[in-house]
Amino acid sequence: MKDKDFIINLIENGYECDYLDFKAKQYSKEKYESLLKDIMAMANSKYEGDKYIIVGIKDKPSGERDIIGINSEDFIDSSNYQQVVLNNIEPEVSFDYFPFEYKEKLLGVFKIYGNQDRPYMLKKKYNKLNEGLCLVRKGSQQSIAVRKDFDEFYLAKEKFEVKIMDPFLQQFMIKKGVVD
């Protein structure tokens, strides 16, 4: 019930950001490039909690939303999306895609969770997307990861301590403000 209330709150009060995106239509086979880009960018977002892509909602520039919904016969099974993502993005991205009923309309919800093994990137070429592509969600946009993004990915993974044993070098580094 908690998840249901949370998703309703996202629909009614949320805005596109590091952890939320709205899509008018499901990802058809012809749109799998977009699926890979969107899932990868969300998984690489700096936001530490669960991230959502809610399908069946058209977000307007005015901030209003049209609840379009998805025809129940056309609802795409999660396993289709899981296979595409698993076959093309590394390391493995944890996500679910499930139906969600809102105001008598069927929506689809991608919940991307537990993705602490950043960076996520394409492990092979997929149509026009090149092997090694790494996208990051920044606000309501996705962008190609740059050096600063990779630095942040790796700095977040491991914290380590460097000890300088040479007393002369240690004093020099303290004076320069490099170490405490």
N, C-alpha and C. Protein backbone atom coordinates (compact mmCIF):
# COMPACT_ATOMS: atom_id res chain seq x y z
N MET A 1 0.82 -1.19 0.00
CA MET A 1 0.00 0.00 0.00
C MET A 1 0.87 1.26 0.00
N LYS A 2 2.00 1.18 0.71
CA LYS A 2 2.90 2.32 0.79
C LYS A 2 3.41 2.70 -0.61
N ASP A 3 3.83 1.68 -1.41
CA ASP A 3 4.30 1.94 -2.77
C ASP A 3 3.20 2.57 -3.61
N LYS A 4 1.97 2.08 -3.45
CA LYS A 4 0.85 2.60 -4.23
C LYS A 4 0.65 4.08 -3.94
N ASP A 5 0.63 4.45 -2.67
CA ASP A 5 0.46 5.85 -2.30
C ASP A 5 1.62 6.70 -2.80
N PHE A 6 2.81 6.15 -2.75
CA PHE A 6 3.99 6.87 -3.21
C PHE A 6 3.90 7.15 -4.71
N ILE A 7 3.50 6.14 -5.49
CA ILE A 7 3.39 6.31 -6.94
C ILE A 7 2.28 7.31 -7.28
N ILE A 8 1.17 7.25 -6.57
CA ILE A 8 0.09 8.23 -6.79
C ILE A 8 0.61 9.63 -6.52
N ASN A 9 1.38 9.79 -5.45
CA ASN A 9 1.95 11.10 -5.14
C ASN A 9 2.90 11.57 -6.25
N LEU A 10 3.70 10.65 -6.81
CA LEU A 10 4.58 11.02 -7.93
C LEU A 10 3.75 11.50 -9.12
N ILE A 11 2.67 10.79 -9.42
CA ILE A 11 1.83 11.15 -10.57
C ILE A 11 1.19 12.52 -10.36
N GLU A 12 0.68 12.74 -9.17
CA GLU A 12 -0.08 13.97 -8.91
C GLU A 12 0.80 15.18 -8.58
N ASN A 13 1.94 14.95 -7.94
CA ASN A 13 2.74 16.08 -7.46
C ASN A 13 4.18 16.09 -7.94
N GLY A 14 4.63 14.99 -8.52
CA GLY A 14 6.02 14.90 -8.93
C GLY A 14 6.30 15.70 -10.19
N TYR A 15 7.56 15.88 -10.46
CA TYR A 15 8.01 16.55 -11.68
C TYR A 15 9.23 15.80 -12.19
N GLU A 16 9.47 15.90 -13.48
CA GLU A 16 10.60 15.19 -14.06
C GLU A 16 11.90 15.70 -13.45
N CYS A 17 12.71 14.76 -12.99
CA CYS A 17 13.95 15.12 -12.29
C CYS A 17 14.90 13.92 -12.33
N ASP A 18 15.88 13.90 -11.42
CA ASP A 18 16.88 12.82 -11.38
C ASP A 18 16.28 11.45 -11.13
N TYR A 19 15.08 11.39 -10.57
CA TYR A 19 14.50 10.09 -10.21
C TYR A 19 13.10 9.85 -10.79
N LEU A 20 12.62 10.75 -11.64
CA LEU A 20 11.28 10.58 -12.19
C LEU A 20 11.21 11.06 -13.64
N ASP A 21 10.58 10.24 -14.47
CA ASP A 21 10.35 10.59 -15.87
C ASP A 21 8.97 10.09 -16.25
N PHE A 22 8.30 10.80 -17.13
CA PHE A 22 7.00 10.39 -17.65
C PHE A 22 7.13 10.11 -19.14
N LYS A 23 6.47 9.07 -19.61
CA LYS A 23 6.46 8.72 -21.02
C LYS A 23 5.00 8.52 -21.45
N ALA A 24 4.65 9.01 -22.61
CA ALA A 24 3.29 8.88 -23.10
C ALA A 24 2.99 7.45 -23.54
N LYS A 25 3.98 6.80 -24.16
CA LYS A 25 3.75 5.46 -24.72
C LYS A 25 4.80 4.47 -24.23
N GLN A 26 4.43 3.20 -24.28
CA GLN A 26 5.37 2.13 -23.95
C GLN A 26 6.48 2.08 -25.01
N TYR A 27 7.54 1.42 -24.68
CA TYR A 27 8.66 1.25 -25.61
C TYR A 27 8.36 0.05 -26.50
N SER A 28 8.05 0.32 -27.76
CA SER A 28 7.87 -0.76 -28.73
C SER A 28 9.26 -1.25 -29.16
N LYS A 29 9.32 -2.34 -29.92
CA LYS A 29 10.61 -2.86 -30.39
C LYS A 29 11.40 -1.79 -31.13
N GLU A 30 10.70 -0.95 -31.87
CA GLU A 30 11.36 0.12 -32.62
C GLU A 30 11.94 1.18 -31.70
N LYS A 31 11.51 1.21 -30.45
CA LYS A 31 11.95 2.23 -29.48
C LYS A 31 12.87 1.65 -28.40
N TYR A 32 13.40 0.46 -28.62
CA TYR A 32 14.27 -0.15 -27.61
C TYR A 32 15.55 0.65 -27.37
N GLU A 33 16.01 1.40 -28.37
CA GLU A 33 17.16 2.29 -28.15
C GLU A 33 16.82 3.29 -27.06
N SER A 34 15.62 3.86 -27.13
CA SER A 34 15.18 4.82 -26.11
C SER A 34 15.06 4.16 -24.76
N LEU A 35 14.55 2.92 -24.74
CA LEU A 35 14.45 2.17 -23.48
C LEU A 35 15.83 2.03 -22.85
N LEU A 36 16.81 1.58 -23.63
CA LEU A 36 18.16 1.39 -23.11
C LEU A 36 18.75 2.70 -22.59
N LYS A 37 18.57 3.77 -23.34
CA LYS A 37 19.09 5.07 -22.92
C LYS A 37 18.43 5.55 -21.63
N ASP A 38 17.11 5.41 -21.54
CA ASP A 38 16.38 5.90 -20.37
C ASP A 38 16.72 5.09 -19.12
N ILE A 39 16.75 3.77 -19.24
CA ILE A 39 17.06 2.91 -18.08
C ILE A 39 18.50 3.17 -17.62
N MET A 40 19.43 3.23 -18.56
CA MET A 40 20.83 3.46 -18.23
C MET A 40 21.02 4.80 -17.54
N ALA A 41 20.42 5.86 -18.09
CA ALA A 41 20.58 7.19 -17.52
C ALA A 41 20.01 7.24 -16.10
N MET A 42 18.85 6.63 -15.89
CA MET A 42 18.27 6.61 -14.54
C MET A 42 19.16 5.81 -13.58
N ALA A 43 19.65 4.66 -14.02
CA ALA A 43 20.50 3.84 -13.15
C ALA A 43 21.78 4.59 -12.78
N ASN A 44 22.26 5.46 -13.66
CA ASN A 44 23.48 6.23 -13.41
C ASN A 44 23.23 7.55 -12.70
N SER A 45 21.98 7.88 -12.42
CA SER A 45 21.64 9.12 -11.72
C SER A 45 22.33 9.17 -10.36
N LYS A 46 22.71 10.37 -9.92
CA LYS A 46 23.33 10.53 -8.61
C LYS A 46 22.33 10.26 -7.47
N TYR A 47 21.05 10.34 -7.79
CA TYR A 47 20.03 10.13 -6.76
C TYR A 47 20.19 8.72 -6.20
N GLU A 48 20.21 8.58 -4.90
CA GLU A 48 20.50 7.30 -4.26
C GLU A 48 19.29 6.39 -4.06
N GLY A 49 18.09 6.92 -4.14
CA GLY A 49 16.90 6.09 -3.90
C GLY A 49 16.37 5.45 -5.17
N ASP A 50 15.15 4.91 -5.08
CA ASP A 50 14.50 4.30 -6.24
C ASP A 50 14.17 5.38 -7.26
N LYS A 51 14.23 4.98 -8.53
CA LYS A 51 13.92 5.90 -9.63
C LYS A 51 12.75 5.32 -10.42
N TYR A 52 11.95 6.19 -11.04
CA TYR A 52 10.72 5.75 -11.70
C TYR A 52 10.59 6.37 -13.09
N ILE A 53 10.11 5.54 -14.01
CA ILE A 53 9.65 6.00 -15.32
C ILE A 53 8.20 5.54 -15.38
N ILE A 54 7.28 6.49 -15.47
CA ILE A 54 5.85 6.16 -15.47
C ILE A 54 5.33 6.35 -16.89
N VAL A 55 4.81 5.26 -17.45
CA VAL A 55 4.38 5.21 -18.84
C VAL A 55 2.86 5.34 -18.91
N GLY A 56 2.39 6.15 -19.89
CA GLY A 56 0.97 6.38 -20.08
C GLY A 56 0.56 7.78 -19.65
N ILE A 57 1.57 8.62 -19.41
CA ILE A 57 1.33 10.00 -18.98
C ILE A 57 2.13 10.92 -19.89
N LYS A 58 1.43 11.90 -20.46
CA LYS A 58 2.11 12.90 -21.28
C LYS A 58 2.32 14.13 -20.42
N ASP A 59 3.57 14.46 -20.21
CA ASP A 59 3.94 15.62 -19.41
C ASP A 59 4.00 16.83 -20.33
N LYS A 60 3.29 17.89 -19.98
CA LYS A 60 3.27 19.10 -20.80
C LYS A 60 4.23 20.13 -20.23
N PRO A 61 4.75 21.01 -21.09
CA PRO A 61 5.67 22.06 -20.61
C PRO A 61 5.04 22.95 -19.53
N SER A 62 3.72 23.06 -19.53
CA SER A 62 3.04 23.90 -18.54
C SER A 62 3.04 23.27 -17.15
N GLY A 63 3.47 22.01 -17.07
CA GLY A 63 3.45 21.30 -15.79
C GLY A 63 2.21 20.44 -15.62
N GLU A 64 1.25 20.61 -16.51
CA GLU A 64 0.05 19.76 -16.47
C GLU A 64 0.38 18.42 -17.10
N ARG A 65 -0.49 17.43 -16.84
CA ARG A 65 -0.28 16.10 -17.39
C ARG A 65 -1.57 15.56 -17.98
N ASP A 66 -1.42 14.87 -19.10
CA ASP A 66 -2.53 14.11 -19.67
C ASP A 66 -2.33 12.66 -19.27
N ILE A 67 -3.33 12.08 -18.61
CA ILE A 67 -3.28 10.66 -18.27
C ILE A 67 -3.85 9.92 -19.47
N ILE A 68 -2.97 9.41 -20.30
CA ILE A 68 -3.36 8.74 -21.53
C ILE A 68 -3.73 7.29 -21.25
N GLY A 69 -2.91 6.63 -20.47
CA GLY A 69 -3.12 5.22 -20.16
C GLY A 69 -2.62 4.31 -21.26
N ILE A 70 -2.70 3.02 -20.99
CA ILE A 70 -2.26 1.98 -21.90
C ILE A 70 -3.41 0.99 -22.06
N ASN A 71 -3.69 0.58 -23.27
CA ASN A 71 -4.70 -0.44 -23.51
C ASN A 71 -4.20 -1.74 -22.89
N SER A 72 -5.03 -2.39 -22.07
CA SER A 72 -4.59 -3.59 -21.33
C SER A 72 -4.11 -4.70 -22.26
N GLU A 73 -4.69 -4.82 -23.46
CA GLU A 73 -4.25 -5.85 -24.40
C GLU A 73 -2.86 -5.55 -24.96
N ASP A 74 -2.46 -4.29 -24.91
CA ASP A 74 -1.17 -3.88 -25.46
C ASP A 74 -0.06 -3.80 -24.42
N PHE A 75 -0.41 -4.09 -23.16
CA PHE A 75 0.59 -3.96 -22.09
C PHE A 75 1.73 -4.94 -22.35
N ILE A 76 2.95 -4.43 -22.35
CA ILE A 76 4.13 -5.24 -22.66
C ILE A 76 4.64 -5.89 -21.37
N ASP A 77 4.88 -7.18 -21.45
CA ASP A 77 5.35 -7.94 -20.29
C ASP A 77 6.75 -7.49 -19.88
N SER A 78 6.98 -7.41 -18.60
CA SER A 78 8.26 -6.99 -18.04
C SER A 78 9.43 -7.82 -18.57
N SER A 79 9.21 -9.11 -18.82
CA SER A 79 10.30 -9.98 -19.27
C SER A 79 10.88 -9.52 -20.61
N ASN A 80 10.06 -8.92 -21.46
CA ASN A 80 10.57 -8.40 -22.74
C ASN A 80 11.61 -7.30 -22.49
N TYR A 81 11.26 -6.38 -21.60
CA TYR A 81 12.17 -5.28 -21.28
C TYR A 81 13.40 -5.79 -20.52
N GLN A 82 13.17 -6.73 -19.60
CA GLN A 82 14.28 -7.28 -18.83
C GLN A 82 15.34 -7.89 -19.75
N GLN A 83 14.87 -8.64 -20.74
CA GLN A 83 15.80 -9.30 -21.65
C GLN A 83 16.62 -8.30 -22.46
N VAL A 84 15.97 -7.27 -22.98
CA VAL A 84 16.68 -6.26 -23.77
C VAL A 84 17.74 -5.57 -22.93
N VAL A 85 17.36 -5.18 -21.72
CA VAL A 85 18.31 -4.47 -20.85
C VAL A 85 19.43 -5.40 -20.41
N LEU A 86 19.10 -6.61 -19.99
CA LEU A 86 20.11 -7.57 -19.54
C LEU A 86 21.12 -7.89 -20.65
N ASN A 87 20.65 -8.00 -21.87
CA ASN A 87 21.52 -8.34 -22.99
C ASN A 87 22.42 -7.19 -23.45
N ASN A 88 22.09 -5.96 -23.04
CA ASN A 88 22.79 -4.82 -23.61
C ASN A 88 23.47 -3.87 -22.64
N ILE A 89 23.11 -3.90 -21.37
CA ILE A 89 23.70 -2.98 -20.40
C ILE A 89 24.48 -3.79 -19.36
N GLU A 90 25.67 -3.29 -19.04
CA GLU A 90 26.46 -3.90 -17.97
C GLU A 90 26.91 -2.85 -16.99
N PRO A 91 27.10 -3.20 -15.73
CA PRO A 91 26.65 -4.43 -15.09
C PRO A 91 25.13 -4.50 -15.07
N GLU A 92 24.59 -5.56 -14.52
CA GLU A 92 23.15 -5.78 -14.53
C GLU A 92 22.39 -4.69 -13.77
N VAL A 93 21.37 -4.14 -14.42
CA VAL A 93 20.52 -3.11 -13.82
C VAL A 93 19.31 -3.78 -13.17
N SER A 94 19.04 -3.43 -11.93
CA SER A 94 17.87 -3.97 -11.23
C SER A 94 16.67 -3.06 -11.48
N PHE A 95 15.63 -3.63 -12.08
CA PHE A 95 14.40 -2.87 -12.30
C PHE A 95 13.23 -3.81 -12.48
N ASP A 96 12.05 -3.28 -12.26
CA ASP A 96 10.78 -3.98 -12.52
C ASP A 96 9.93 -3.10 -13.41
N TYR A 97 9.04 -3.73 -14.16
CA TYR A 97 8.04 -3.01 -14.93
C TYR A 97 6.71 -3.67 -14.60
N PHE A 98 5.78 -2.88 -14.10
CA PHE A 98 4.52 -3.47 -13.66
C PHE A 98 3.34 -2.56 -13.98
N PRO A 99 2.14 -3.16 -14.11
CA PRO A 99 0.95 -2.37 -14.37
C PRO A 99 0.51 -1.63 -13.11
N PHE A 100 -0.07 -0.45 -13.32
CA PHE A 100 -0.54 0.35 -12.19
C PHE A 100 -1.83 1.05 -12.61
N GLU A 101 -2.88 0.86 -11.86
CA GLU A 101 -4.16 1.48 -12.18
C GLU A 101 -4.28 2.82 -11.46
N TYR A 102 -4.62 3.85 -12.23
CA TYR A 102 -4.78 5.20 -11.69
C TYR A 102 -5.97 5.86 -12.37
N LYS A 103 -6.96 6.22 -11.58
CA LYS A 103 -8.18 6.88 -12.09
C LYS A 103 -8.75 6.14 -13.30
N GLU A 104 -8.89 4.84 -13.14
CA GLU A 104 -9.47 3.95 -14.15
C GLU A 104 -8.67 3.88 -15.45
N LYS A 105 -7.41 4.25 -15.38
CA LYS A 105 -6.49 4.13 -16.52
C LYS A 105 -5.35 3.21 -16.12
N LEU A 106 -4.91 2.40 -17.08
CA LEU A 106 -3.79 1.50 -16.85
C LEU A 106 -2.50 2.23 -17.23
N LEU A 107 -1.56 2.26 -16.31
CA LEU A 107 -0.24 2.84 -16.55
C LEU A 107 0.81 1.74 -16.40
N GLY A 108 1.99 2.01 -16.88
CA GLY A 108 3.12 1.11 -16.66
C GLY A 108 4.15 1.84 -15.82
N VAL A 109 4.74 1.14 -14.86
CA VAL A 109 5.73 1.77 -13.99
C VAL A 109 7.03 0.98 -14.02
N PHE A 110 8.09 1.66 -14.41
CA PHE A 110 9.44 1.12 -14.26
C PHE A 110 9.96 1.60 -12.92
N LYS A 111 10.37 0.67 -12.09
CA LYS A 111 11.01 1.01 -10.82
C LYS A 111 12.45 0.52 -10.91
N ILE A 112 13.38 1.46 -10.91
CA ILE A 112 14.80 1.15 -11.03
C ILE A 112 15.38 1.30 -9.62
N TYR A 113 15.97 0.24 -9.11
CA TYR A 113 16.35 0.24 -7.70
C TYR A 113 17.69 -0.45 -7.45
N GLY A 114 18.29 -0.12 -6.32
CA GLY A 114 19.50 -0.81 -5.86
C GLY A 114 20.67 -0.74 -6.80
N ASN A 115 20.76 0.29 -7.59
CA ASN A 115 21.83 0.36 -8.58
C ASN A 115 23.03 1.13 -8.01
N GLN A 116 23.87 0.39 -7.31
CA GLN A 116 25.04 0.99 -6.67
C GLN A 116 26.34 0.67 -7.41
N ASP A 117 26.24 -0.08 -8.51
CA ASP A 117 27.44 -0.52 -9.22
C ASP A 117 27.71 0.34 -10.45
N ARG A 118 27.50 1.64 -10.31
CA ARG A 118 27.72 2.55 -11.42
C ARG A 118 29.20 2.60 -11.78
N PRO A 119 29.53 2.86 -13.01
CA PRO A 119 28.70 3.27 -14.13
C PRO A 119 28.09 2.08 -14.88
N TYR A 120 26.89 2.30 -15.40
CA TYR A 120 26.21 1.35 -16.27
C TYR A 120 26.41 1.83 -17.70
N MET A 121 26.73 0.90 -18.59
CA MET A 121 27.01 1.30 -19.97
C MET A 121 26.66 0.17 -20.93
N LEU A 122 26.63 0.51 -22.21
CA LEU A 122 26.33 -0.50 -23.23
C LEU A 122 27.50 -1.45 -23.37
N LYS A 123 27.20 -2.75 -23.34
CA LYS A 123 28.28 -3.72 -23.46
C LYS A 123 28.53 -4.13 -24.90
N LYS A 124 27.66 -3.72 -25.81
CA LYS A 124 27.86 -4.00 -27.23
C LYS A 124 27.06 -2.99 -28.05
N LYS A 125 27.37 -2.89 -29.31
CA LYS A 125 26.66 -1.96 -30.19
C LYS A 125 25.20 -2.41 -30.30
N TYR A 126 24.28 -1.45 -30.24
CA TYR A 126 22.86 -1.74 -30.42
C TYR A 126 22.30 -0.69 -31.38
N ASN A 127 22.03 -1.11 -32.62
CA ASN A 127 21.57 -0.19 -33.67
C ASN A 127 22.50 1.01 -33.75
N LYS A 128 22.00 2.21 -33.47
CA LYS A 128 22.83 3.42 -33.58
C LYS A 128 23.61 3.73 -32.30
N LEU A 129 23.38 2.95 -31.25
CA LEU A 129 24.07 3.18 -29.98
C LEU A 129 25.38 2.38 -29.97
N ASN A 130 26.47 3.05 -29.64
CA ASN A 130 27.78 2.40 -29.67
C ASN A 130 28.15 1.73 -28.35
N GLU A 131 28.91 0.66 -28.46
CA GLU A 131 29.46 -0.02 -27.29
C GLU A 131 30.18 1.00 -26.42
N GLY A 132 30.00 0.89 -25.11
CA GLY A 132 30.66 1.80 -24.18
C GLY A 132 29.89 3.07 -23.87
N LEU A 133 28.76 3.28 -24.57
CA LEU A 133 27.96 4.48 -24.29
C LEU A 133 27.53 4.47 -22.83
N CYS A 134 27.69 5.60 -22.19
CA CYS A 134 27.29 5.75 -20.79
C CYS A 134 26.53 7.07 -20.66
N LEU A 135 25.26 6.98 -20.28
CA LEU A 135 24.42 8.16 -20.11
C LEU A 135 24.09 8.36 -18.64
N VAL A 136 23.90 9.62 -18.26
CA VAL A 136 23.59 9.99 -16.88
C VAL A 136 22.35 10.88 -16.89
N ARG A 137 21.45 10.63 -15.95
CA ARG A 137 20.28 11.49 -15.76
C ARG A 137 20.70 12.68 -14.91
N LYS A 138 20.49 13.88 -15.45
CA LYS A 138 20.79 15.11 -14.73
C LYS A 138 19.56 15.99 -14.81
N GLY A 139 18.85 16.10 -13.69
CA GLY A 139 17.59 16.82 -13.70
C GLY A 139 16.60 16.07 -14.56
N SER A 140 15.99 16.75 -15.51
CA SER A 140 15.02 16.09 -16.38
C SER A 140 15.63 15.67 -17.71
N GLN A 141 16.94 15.77 -17.82
CA GLN A 141 17.62 15.45 -19.07
C GLN A 141 18.58 14.28 -18.87
N GLN A 142 18.94 13.66 -19.99
CA GLN A 142 20.02 12.68 -19.95
C GLN A 142 21.16 13.23 -20.78
N SER A 143 22.37 12.95 -20.35
CA SER A 143 23.53 13.41 -21.10
C SER A 143 24.60 12.34 -21.08
N ILE A 144 25.51 12.44 -22.02
CA ILE A 144 26.62 11.49 -22.09
C ILE A 144 27.53 11.75 -20.90
N ALA A 145 27.93 10.69 -20.23
CA ALA A 145 28.82 10.82 -19.08
C ALA A 145 30.16 11.40 -19.52
N VAL A 146 30.66 12.34 -18.75
CA VAL A 146 31.95 12.96 -19.00
C VAL A 146 32.90 12.59 -17.87
N ARG A 147 34.13 13.01 -17.97
CA ARG A 147 35.15 12.64 -17.00
C ARG A 147 34.69 12.89 -15.57
N LYS A 148 34.09 14.05 -15.31
CA LYS A 148 33.63 14.38 -13.95
C LYS A 148 32.64 13.34 -13.44
N ASP A 149 31.76 12.87 -14.31
CA ASP A 149 30.78 11.84 -13.90
C ASP A 149 31.50 10.56 -13.50
N PHE A 150 32.48 10.15 -14.30
CA PHE A 150 33.22 8.93 -13.98
C PHE A 150 34.00 9.09 -12.67
N ASP A 151 34.58 10.28 -12.46
CA ASP A 151 35.27 10.52 -11.19
C ASP A 151 34.30 10.32 -10.02
N GLU A 152 33.09 10.85 -10.14
CA GLU A 152 32.09 10.72 -9.08
C GLU A 152 31.65 9.27 -8.90
N PHE A 153 31.49 8.54 -9.99
CA PHE A 153 31.13 7.12 -9.88
C PHE A 153 32.16 6.38 -9.03
N TYR A 154 33.43 6.58 -9.36
CA TYR A 154 34.47 5.81 -8.71
C TYR A 154 34.80 6.32 -7.31
N LEU A 155 34.70 7.62 -7.09
CA LEU A 155 34.92 8.14 -5.74
C LEU A 155 33.85 7.63 -4.78
N ALA A 156 32.63 7.48 -5.27
CA ALA A 156 31.53 7.00 -4.42
C ALA A 156 31.71 5.52 -4.08
N LYS A 157 32.42 4.77 -4.91
CA LYS A 157 32.58 3.33 -4.68
C LYS A 157 33.47 3.03 -3.50
N GLU A 158 34.60 3.67 -3.45
CA GLU A 158 35.57 3.31 -2.41
C GLU A 158 36.16 4.56 -1.81
N LYS A 159 36.18 4.55 -0.52
CA LYS A 159 36.90 5.59 0.21
C LYS A 159 38.18 4.93 0.71
N PHE A 160 39.29 5.55 0.46
CA PHE A 160 40.54 4.97 0.91
C PHE A 160 41.42 6.06 1.51
N GLU A 161 42.38 5.64 2.28
CA GLU A 161 43.26 6.57 2.97
C GLU A 161 44.67 6.37 2.45
N VAL A 162 45.32 7.47 2.17
CA VAL A 162 46.71 7.42 1.73
C VAL A 162 47.56 7.91 2.89
N LYS A 163 48.54 7.11 3.28
CA LYS A 163 49.46 7.50 4.34
C LYS A 163 50.83 7.76 3.72
N ILE A 164 51.36 8.92 4.04
CA ILE A 164 52.69 9.28 3.55
C ILE A 164 53.67 8.99 4.68
N MET A 165 54.56 8.08 4.43
CA MET A 165 55.47 7.60 5.47
C MET A 165 56.70 8.51 5.61
N ASP A 166 57.13 9.13 4.55
CA ASP A 166 58.31 9.98 4.60
C ASP A 166 57.96 11.29 5.32
N PRO A 167 58.62 11.60 6.45
CA PRO A 167 58.27 12.80 7.23
C PRO A 167 58.43 14.10 6.44
N PHE A 168 59.49 14.20 5.63
CA PHE A 168 59.70 15.42 4.84
C PHE A 168 58.56 15.61 3.85
N LEU A 169 58.23 14.56 3.10
CA LEU A 169 57.14 14.62 2.12
C LEU A 169 55.81 14.88 2.82
N GLN A 170 55.63 14.28 3.99
CA GLN A 170 54.39 14.47 4.75
C GLN A 170 54.22 15.94 5.13
N GLN A 171 55.26 16.58 5.62
CA GLN A 171 55.20 18.00 6.00
C GLN A 171 54.95 18.87 4.77
N PHE A 172 55.60 18.54 3.67
CA PHE A 172 55.41 19.28 2.43
C PHE A 172 53.95 19.22 1.98
N MET A 173 53.35 18.03 2.02
CA MET A 173 51.96 17.85 1.59
C MET A 173 51.00 18.57 2.53
N ILE A 174 51.31 18.61 3.82
CA ILE A 174 50.46 19.32 4.78
C ILE A 174 50.52 20.82 4.48
N LYS A 175 51.70 21.36 4.24
CA LYS A 175 51.85 22.79 3.93
C LYS A 175 51.10 23.16 2.65
N LYS A 176 51.09 22.27 1.70
CA LYS A 176 50.39 22.53 0.42
C LYS A 176 48.87 22.33 0.56
N GLY A 177 48.43 21.81 1.69
CA GLY A 177 47.00 21.60 1.90
C GLY A 177 46.44 20.36 1.21
N VAL A 178 47.32 19.48 0.78
CA VAL A 178 46.89 18.27 0.08
C VAL A 178 46.37 17.22 1.08
N VAL A 179 47.01 17.16 2.25
CA VAL A 179 46.60 16.21 3.29
C VAL A 179 46.46 16.97 4.60
N ASP A 180 45.79 16.35 5.57
CA ASP A 180 45.62 16.95 6.90
C ASP A 180 46.73 16.54 7.81
